[in-house]
Amino acid sequence: MSKMIVGRVVMGMVMLFVCMSHAEESTNAPAIGTEENTNAPASRFARVALGVRVGDEEQEYRVDGLIPLWSSEDSRLFLEAGGSLLEDEEQEVNVGILGRHLFSGCGVIVGASMEYDAQWTENDNQFDQAGCGLELMSRWVDASIHYSYPLTDRKWISDRAQSETHVHTEAGQTISTTASTVFRTYEEALEGYDGEVGLWAPFLETTVPTALYVGYFDYESEDNADFSGMRARIESRVLPQLTFDVGWQELTDEDADEVYVGVRLYLPWDIWNGWRTERAAEDASEDTPLRLRLDEIPRRIYRMRTETTTMIKDQTNESVVLDDGKPVCTVAIDSNGAVVVTCK
């Protein structure tokens, strides 16, 4: 319960930060309807998206903010800030820098980002990671790829001891040999990448923009099998500020493949005109639809991946005892293979 409260507080702080940034800028905003207002660049929008994604195994309740730092006619620089409440009362916080540039001659937007992520897991562990990503947006095709690198080593969860005793007689003397093994379970953040390519349906461009995305992810584990597989999803923008999607994700473990549905609500704040929808902004702008996408909140398809390891043999102790109860030798082998023999 306490972790749920922490998660709500973090997301509330993100929302408050966005509101405060615009409250400060709006004190010097020109009156509505002035010439300066008419030519206001789209990058003056701070954008917030609220999202929900629910599947058989994974659930996510997310808020994303995109705060403009600098802009020119064909370029943008943003601060990204977001957070998630995940299944099993886990939370995640994300902060990053996103830059985009429109190559007008070939009709392509190219973006690059660097992020820091932190996740609090159900085992009361915190993991940090750094990440970087690339994105490409055009009228008909989108593509993105993201790489994640853990900054935190694996963390201990629990121990389990196992003992086995063998008794035999040699030269008329009873010898008892006992082997004790300690198995440990850890939790680790995974290193890997996640990418996808999407194709927008031309016949739905002016009614309900819809795209089919296909992707692949691959995350490496030190002790378990790698977490990798295919994914596919359909995204449909039923309203200018409302997006629905349905997706499928392949899982490589014993669980069944994941099927999920999601919804995302966009809340654009225009410091010049207060609240208005994306389409209202587009109708009032002379920019092309592709140029307007310079200010689009990225769709975060990935999340920080953590995994609980199987039980790992950490240390083995073997003792030999004669029938008089006195130990003869003790052999200890640790997880690195070092052997220590003690005899009396």
Protein backbone atom coordinates (compact mmCIF):
# COMPACT_ATOMS: atom_id res chain seq x y z
CA MET A 1 0.00 0.00 0.00
CA SER A 2 2.84 2.41 0.85
CA LYS A 3 4.38 1.85 -2.58
CA MET A 4 1.07 2.72 -4.24
CA ILE A 5 1.03 6.01 -2.33
CA VAL A 6 4.62 6.74 -3.40
CA GLY A 7 3.67 6.10 -7.03
CA ARG A 8 0.70 8.44 -6.88
CA VAL A 9 2.80 11.15 -5.25
CA VAL A 10 5.48 10.85 -7.96
CA MET A 11 2.96 11.13 -10.78
CA GLY A 12 1.28 14.03 -8.99
CA MET A 13 4.62 15.82 -8.82
CA VAL A 14 5.10 15.32 -12.57
CA MET A 15 1.68 16.85 -13.26
CA LEU A 16 2.39 19.72 -10.87
CA PHE A 17 5.74 20.42 -12.52
CA VAL A 18 4.08 20.70 -15.94
CA CYS A 19 1.37 23.01 -14.60
CA MET A 20 3.88 25.24 -12.84
CA SER A 21 6.07 25.55 -15.92
CA HIS A 22 3.14 26.90 -17.91
CA ALA A 23 1.81 29.09 -15.16
CA GLU A 24 5.16 30.88 -15.11
CA GLU A 25 5.24 31.37 -18.89
CA SER A 26 1.61 32.51 -19.14
CA THR A 27 2.22 35.62 -17.00
CA ASN A 28 3.88 37.25 -20.02
CA ALA A 29 1.52 35.78 -22.64
CA PRO A 30 -0.07 38.21 -25.12
CA ALA A 31 -3.82 38.63 -25.26
CA ILE A 32 -5.82 36.12 -27.23
CA GLY A 33 -6.33 37.12 -30.85
CA THR A 34 -3.25 39.29 -31.21
CA GLU A 35 -0.94 38.96 -34.20
CA GLU A 36 1.75 37.39 -32.04
CA ASN A 37 -0.75 34.81 -30.84
CA THR A 38 -1.70 33.88 -34.42
CA ASN A 39 1.89 33.07 -35.26
CA ALA A 40 2.66 31.24 -32.03
CA PRO A 41 4.69 28.11 -32.79
CA ALA A 42 3.23 24.75 -31.90
CA SER A 43 6.17 24.04 -29.61
CA ARG A 44 4.66 26.39 -27.03
CA PHE A 45 2.35 23.52 -26.15
CA ALA A 46 3.19 21.43 -23.12
CA ARG A 47 1.58 18.08 -23.67
CA VAL A 48 0.40 15.51 -21.19
CA ALA A 49 -0.92 12.04 -21.98
CA LEU A 50 -2.76 9.70 -19.61
CA GLY A 51 -2.66 6.04 -20.60
CA VAL A 52 -3.97 2.67 -19.46
CA ARG A 53 -2.87 -0.71 -20.81
CA VAL A 54 -4.37 -3.92 -19.46
CA GLY A 55 -3.43 -7.50 -20.37
CA ASP A 56 -3.49 -10.98 -18.88
CA GLU A 57 -0.10 -10.65 -17.16
CA GLU A 58 0.85 -6.98 -17.37
CA GLN A 59 -1.06 -3.83 -16.39
CA GLU A 60 0.15 -0.26 -16.69
CA TYR A 61 -1.35 3.09 -15.66
CA ARG A 62 0.82 5.84 -17.05
CA VAL A 63 1.27 9.61 -17.34
CA ASP A 64 3.69 11.23 -19.81
CA GLY A 65 4.67 14.88 -20.08
CA LEU A 66 6.49 16.67 -22.91
CA ILE A 67 7.84 20.10 -21.95
CA PRO A 68 9.36 22.35 -24.67
CA LEU A 69 12.85 23.67 -23.93
CA TRP A 70 13.84 25.16 -27.29
CA SER A 71 12.45 25.31 -30.83
CA SER A 72 13.11 26.57 -34.33
CA GLU A 73 11.13 26.20 -37.53
CA ASP A 74 12.26 22.61 -38.16
CA SER A 75 13.72 21.53 -34.81
CA ARG A 76 12.55 20.88 -31.26
CA LEU A 77 14.16 20.08 -27.90
CA PHE A 78 11.99 18.68 -25.11
CA LEU A 79 12.18 17.51 -21.51
CA GLU A 80 10.39 14.20 -21.10
CA ALA A 81 8.94 13.28 -17.71
CA GLY A 82 6.66 10.39 -16.88
CA GLY A 83 5.71 7.66 -14.47
CA SER A 84 3.82 4.39 -14.25
CA LEU A 85 1.95 2.24 -11.80
CA LEU A 86 2.55 -1.37 -12.84
CA GLU A 87 1.19 -4.76 -11.86
CA ASP A 88 2.11 -6.14 -8.41
CA GLU A 89 2.24 -2.59 -6.96
CA GLU A 90 5.44 -1.73 -8.84
CA GLN A 91 6.27 1.85 -9.89
CA GLU A 92 8.50 3.40 -12.52
CA VAL A 93 9.72 6.97 -13.09
CA ASN A 94 11.29 8.22 -16.34
CA VAL A 95 13.13 11.46 -17.19
CA GLY A 96 14.86 12.28 -20.46
CA ILE A 97 15.81 14.71 -23.20
CA LEU A 98 14.27 14.41 -26.68
CA GLY A 99 15.44 16.23 -29.80
CA ARG A 100 13.72 16.19 -33.21
CA HIS A 101 14.43 17.64 -36.65
CA LEU A 102 12.23 17.80 -39.72
CA PHE A 103 13.97 17.16 -43.06
CA SER A 104 11.45 18.96 -45.24
CA GLY A 105 13.04 17.89 -48.51
CA CYS A 106 12.42 14.19 -47.92
CA GLY A 107 9.39 14.50 -45.61
CA VAL A 108 10.95 12.76 -42.59
CA ILE A 109 11.28 13.62 -38.91
CA VAL A 110 14.27 12.11 -37.10
CA GLY A 111 14.46 12.12 -33.31
CA ALA A 112 16.96 11.03 -30.68
CA SER A 113 16.57 10.71 -26.93
CA MET A 114 18.50 9.92 -23.75
CA GLU A 115 16.69 8.75 -20.60
CA TYR A 116 17.11 7.79 -16.99
CA ASP A 117 14.65 5.26 -15.54
CA ALA A 118 14.05 4.05 -12.00
CA GLN A 119 11.80 1.19 -10.94
CA TRP A 120 10.63 0.00 -7.52
CA THR A 121 9.71 -3.67 -7.66
CA GLU A 122 7.36 -5.87 -5.64
CA ASN A 123 10.42 -7.25 -3.79
CA ASP A 124 11.20 -3.79 -2.33
CA ASN A 125 14.22 -3.35 -4.58
CA GLN A 126 15.09 -0.25 -6.61
CA PHE A 127 16.79 -0.50 -9.99
CA ASP A 128 18.19 2.29 -12.16
CA GLN A 129 19.00 2.25 -15.85
CA ALA A 130 20.17 4.54 -18.63
CA GLY A 131 18.72 4.40 -22.11
CA CYS A 132 18.90 5.94 -25.55
CA GLY A 133 16.57 5.83 -28.50
CA LEU A 134 16.07 6.77 -32.13
CA GLU A 135 12.80 7.46 -33.92
CA LEU A 136 11.66 8.17 -37.46
CA MET A 137 8.29 9.64 -38.42
CA SER A 138 6.84 10.23 -41.87
CA ARG A 139 3.44 10.42 -43.50
CA TRP A 140 3.09 6.66 -43.97
CA VAL A 141 5.84 4.95 -41.98
CA ASP A 142 7.03 5.26 -38.37
CA ALA A 143 9.93 3.44 -36.72
CA SER A 144 11.64 3.50 -33.33
CA ILE A 145 14.27 1.58 -31.39
CA HIS A 146 15.40 1.88 -27.77
CA TYR A 147 18.38 0.44 -25.90
CA SER A 148 18.46 -0.02 -22.11
CA TYR A 149 21.53 -0.47 -19.91
CA PRO A 150 21.14 -1.31 -16.16
CA LEU A 151 23.04 0.86 -13.68
CA THR A 152 22.23 -1.40 -10.72
CA ASP A 153 23.65 -4.87 -10.02
CA ARG A 154 21.40 -7.77 -9.15
CA LYS A 155 19.95 -7.73 -5.64
CA TRP A 156 19.38 -10.53 -3.13
CA ILE A 157 15.84 -11.71 -2.40
CA SER A 158 16.03 -14.94 -0.36
CA ASP A 159 18.12 -17.99 0.66
CA ARG A 160 17.26 -21.66 0.89
CA ALA A 161 19.49 -24.29 2.51
CA GLN A 162 19.54 -27.95 1.54
CA SER A 163 21.40 -30.76 3.36
CA GLU A 164 22.04 -34.39 2.46
CA THR A 165 23.81 -37.00 4.66
CA HIS A 166 25.42 -40.28 3.58
CA VAL A 167 26.62 -42.89 6.10
CA HIS A 168 28.98 -45.75 5.24
CA THR A 169 31.38 -48.10 7.03
CA GLU A 170 35.05 -48.26 6.21
CA ALA A 171 37.68 -50.39 8.04
CA GLY A 172 35.17 -51.11 10.77
CA GLN A 173 34.50 -47.43 11.40
CA THR A 174 31.27 -45.59 10.60
CA ILE A 175 31.81 -42.44 8.58
CA SER A 176 29.08 -39.83 8.13
CA THR A 177 29.38 -37.32 5.28
CA THR A 178 27.04 -34.30 5.24
CA ALA A 179 26.77 -31.91 2.29
CA SER A 180 25.01 -28.57 2.91
CA THR A 181 24.22 -26.27 -0.01
CA VAL A 182 22.90 -22.71 0.08
CA PHE A 183 20.75 -21.58 -2.87
CA ARG A 184 20.07 -17.88 -3.37
CA THR A 185 17.45 -16.02 -5.39
CA TYR A 186 18.22 -12.61 -6.90
CA GLU A 187 16.40 -9.90 -8.82
CA GLU A 188 18.12 -8.19 -11.74
CA ALA A 189 17.47 -5.48 -14.31
CA LEU A 190 17.87 -6.65 -17.91
CA GLU A 191 19.99 -5.13 -20.66
CA GLY A 192 18.51 -5.10 -24.14
CA TYR A 193 16.64 -3.34 -26.90
CA ASP A 194 13.08 -2.88 -28.09
CA GLY A 195 11.97 -1.64 -31.52
CA GLU A 196 9.03 -1.48 -33.87
CA VAL A 197 7.99 -0.34 -37.35
CA GLY A 198 4.52 0.98 -38.17
CA LEU A 199 2.56 1.51 -41.38
CA TRP A 200 -0.31 4.02 -41.50
CA ALA A 201 -3.38 3.01 -43.55
CA PRO A 202 -3.78 5.51 -46.46
CA PHE A 203 -7.56 4.99 -46.78
CA LEU A 204 -8.11 6.01 -43.14
CA GLU A 205 -5.86 9.07 -43.11
CA THR A 206 -8.64 11.67 -43.07
CA THR A 207 -11.21 9.78 -40.97
CA VAL A 208 -9.72 7.57 -38.26
CA PRO A 209 -5.90 7.49 -38.64
CA THR A 210 -4.88 3.88 -38.00
CA ALA A 211 -1.52 2.14 -38.08
CA LEU A 212 -0.27 -1.43 -37.81
CA TYR A 213 2.97 -1.83 -35.83
CA VAL A 214 5.25 -4.88 -35.74
CA GLY A 215 8.20 -5.09 -33.37
CA TYR A 216 10.80 -7.23 -31.66
CA PHE A 217 12.42 -7.09 -28.20
CA ASP A 218 15.45 -8.86 -26.75
CA TYR A 219 16.67 -8.52 -23.14
CA GLU A 220 19.61 -10.48 -21.72
CA SER A 221 19.76 -12.09 -18.27
CA GLU A 222 22.91 -13.15 -16.43
CA ASP A 223 21.33 -16.24 -14.89
CA ASN A 224 18.03 -16.96 -16.67
CA ALA A 225 17.06 -17.45 -20.29
CA ASP A 226 16.87 -14.25 -22.34
CA PHE A 227 13.52 -12.43 -22.46
CA SER A 228 12.75 -11.89 -26.14
CA GLY A 229 9.96 -12.17 -28.66
CA MET A 230 7.76 -10.54 -31.30
CA ARG A 231 4.96 -8.05 -30.78
CA ALA A 232 2.25 -6.48 -32.92
CA ARG A 233 -0.34 -3.83 -32.26
CA ILE A 234 -2.97 -1.71 -34.00
CA GLU A 235 -3.24 1.94 -33.01
CA SER A 236 -6.31 3.98 -33.95
CA ARG A 237 -6.76 7.72 -33.29
CA VAL A 238 -10.55 7.74 -32.98
CA LEU A 239 -10.52 11.38 -31.82
CA PRO A 240 -7.82 14.06 -32.06
CA GLN A 241 -7.08 13.62 -28.35
CA LEU A 242 -8.02 9.95 -27.88
CA THR A 243 -6.16 6.84 -29.08
CA PHE A 244 -7.11 3.19 -28.73
CA ASP A 245 -4.82 0.25 -29.35
CA VAL A 246 -4.94 -3.53 -29.14
CA GLY A 247 -1.80 -5.62 -29.15
CA TRP A 248 -0.23 -9.05 -28.91
CA GLN A 249 3.15 -9.91 -27.39
CA GLU A 250 5.05 -13.16 -27.65
CA LEU A 251 6.51 -14.53 -24.42
CA THR A 252 9.44 -16.94 -24.30
CA ASP A 253 8.70 -18.53 -20.93
CA GLU A 254 5.97 -20.96 -19.94
CA ASP A 255 3.29 -18.26 -19.79
CA ALA A 256 0.82 -17.86 -22.61
CA ASP A 257 1.32 -15.02 -25.10
CA GLU A 258 0.11 -11.65 -23.84
CA VAL A 259 -2.91 -9.90 -25.38
CA TYR A 260 -3.73 -6.39 -24.20
CA VAL A 261 -5.93 -3.38 -24.89
CA GLY A 262 -5.05 0.22 -24.19
CA VAL A 263 -6.34 3.78 -24.30
CA ARG A 264 -4.45 7.08 -24.26
CA LEU A 265 -5.91 10.52 -23.58
CA TYR A 266 -3.94 13.60 -24.72
CA LEU A 267 -4.34 16.81 -22.72
CA PRO A 268 -2.66 19.67 -24.61
CA TRP A 269 -2.09 22.92 -22.74
CA ASP A 270 -1.70 26.02 -24.92
CA ILE A 271 -0.35 28.89 -22.83
CA TRP A 272 -1.75 31.36 -25.35
CA ASN A 273 -5.32 30.06 -25.62
CA GLY A 274 -5.86 27.84 -22.60
CA TRP A 275 -7.32 24.42 -23.30
CA ARG A 276 -7.86 23.35 -26.89
CA THR A 277 -7.74 20.06 -28.78
CA GLU A 278 -5.07 18.89 -31.21
CA ARG A 279 -7.43 19.26 -34.16
CA ALA A 280 -8.35 22.80 -33.17
CA ALA A 281 -4.66 23.63 -33.16
CA GLU A 282 -4.21 22.03 -36.56
CA ASP A 283 -7.17 23.91 -38.05
CA ALA A 284 -5.72 27.22 -36.85
CA SER A 285 -2.23 26.44 -38.11
CA GLU A 286 -0.73 26.73 -41.57
CA ASP A 287 1.76 23.96 -40.75
CA THR A 288 1.65 20.63 -42.57
CA PRO A 289 0.45 17.58 -40.59
CA LEU A 290 4.00 16.20 -40.60
CA ARG A 291 5.44 19.41 -39.14
CA LEU A 292 2.82 19.28 -36.37
CA ARG A 293 4.14 15.85 -35.40
CA LEU A 294 7.35 17.52 -34.21
CA ASP A 295 5.43 18.16 -30.97
CA GLU A 296 3.88 14.71 -30.61
CA ILE A 297 4.34 12.80 -27.35
CA PRO A 298 6.35 9.63 -28.06
CA ARG A 299 4.55 6.34 -27.60
CA ARG A 300 6.64 4.53 -24.99
CA ILE A 301 6.30 0.90 -26.07
CA TYR A 302 9.01 -0.35 -23.72
CA ARG A 303 9.39 -0.42 -19.96
CA MET A 304 12.23 -1.19 -17.59
CA ARG A 305 12.53 -4.98 -17.49
CA THR A 306 13.42 -6.78 -14.26
CA GLU A 307 13.41 -10.50 -13.57
CA THR A 308 13.69 -12.86 -10.60
CA THR A 309 16.39 -15.47 -11.09
CA THR A 310 16.06 -19.17 -10.47
CA MET A 311 17.75 -20.49 -7.33
CA ILE A 312 21.52 -20.21 -7.76
CA LYS A 313 23.96 -22.44 -5.90
CA ASP A 314 25.97 -20.04 -3.78
CA GLN A 315 27.98 -22.18 -1.33
CA THR A 316 28.47 -25.87 -0.50
CA ASN A 317 29.83 -27.19 2.81
CA GLU A 318 30.78 -30.84 3.20
CA SER A 319 31.81 -32.35 6.54
CA VAL A 320 33.09 -35.82 7.40
CA VAL A 321 32.38 -37.14 10.91
CA LEU A 322 33.62 -40.41 12.51
CA ASP A 323 31.42 -42.57 14.71
CA ASP A 324 32.81 -40.85 17.82
CA GLY A 325 31.08 -37.66 16.69
CA LYS A 326 34.24 -35.68 16.01
CA PRO A 327 34.56 -33.93 12.64
CA VAL A 328 37.53 -34.95 10.51
CA CYS A 329 37.43 -32.51 7.59
CA THR A 330 35.19 -29.74 6.35
CA VAL A 331 35.23 -28.71 2.70
CA ALA A 332 33.65 -25.36 1.71
CA ILE A 333 33.07 -24.35 -1.94
CA ASP A 334 31.71 -20.87 -2.65
CA SER A 335 29.88 -19.57 -5.73
CA ASN A 336 33.18 -18.55 -7.38
CA GLY A 337 34.56 -22.09 -7.15
CA ALA A 338 37.04 -21.35 -4.34
CA VAL A 339 37.70 -24.41 -2.15
CA VAL A 340 38.63 -24.22 1.55
CA VAL A 341 39.49 -27.48 3.40
CA THR A 342 39.74 -27.60 7.20
CA CYS A 343 40.89 -30.81 8.92
CA LYS A 344 41.39 -31.77 12.56
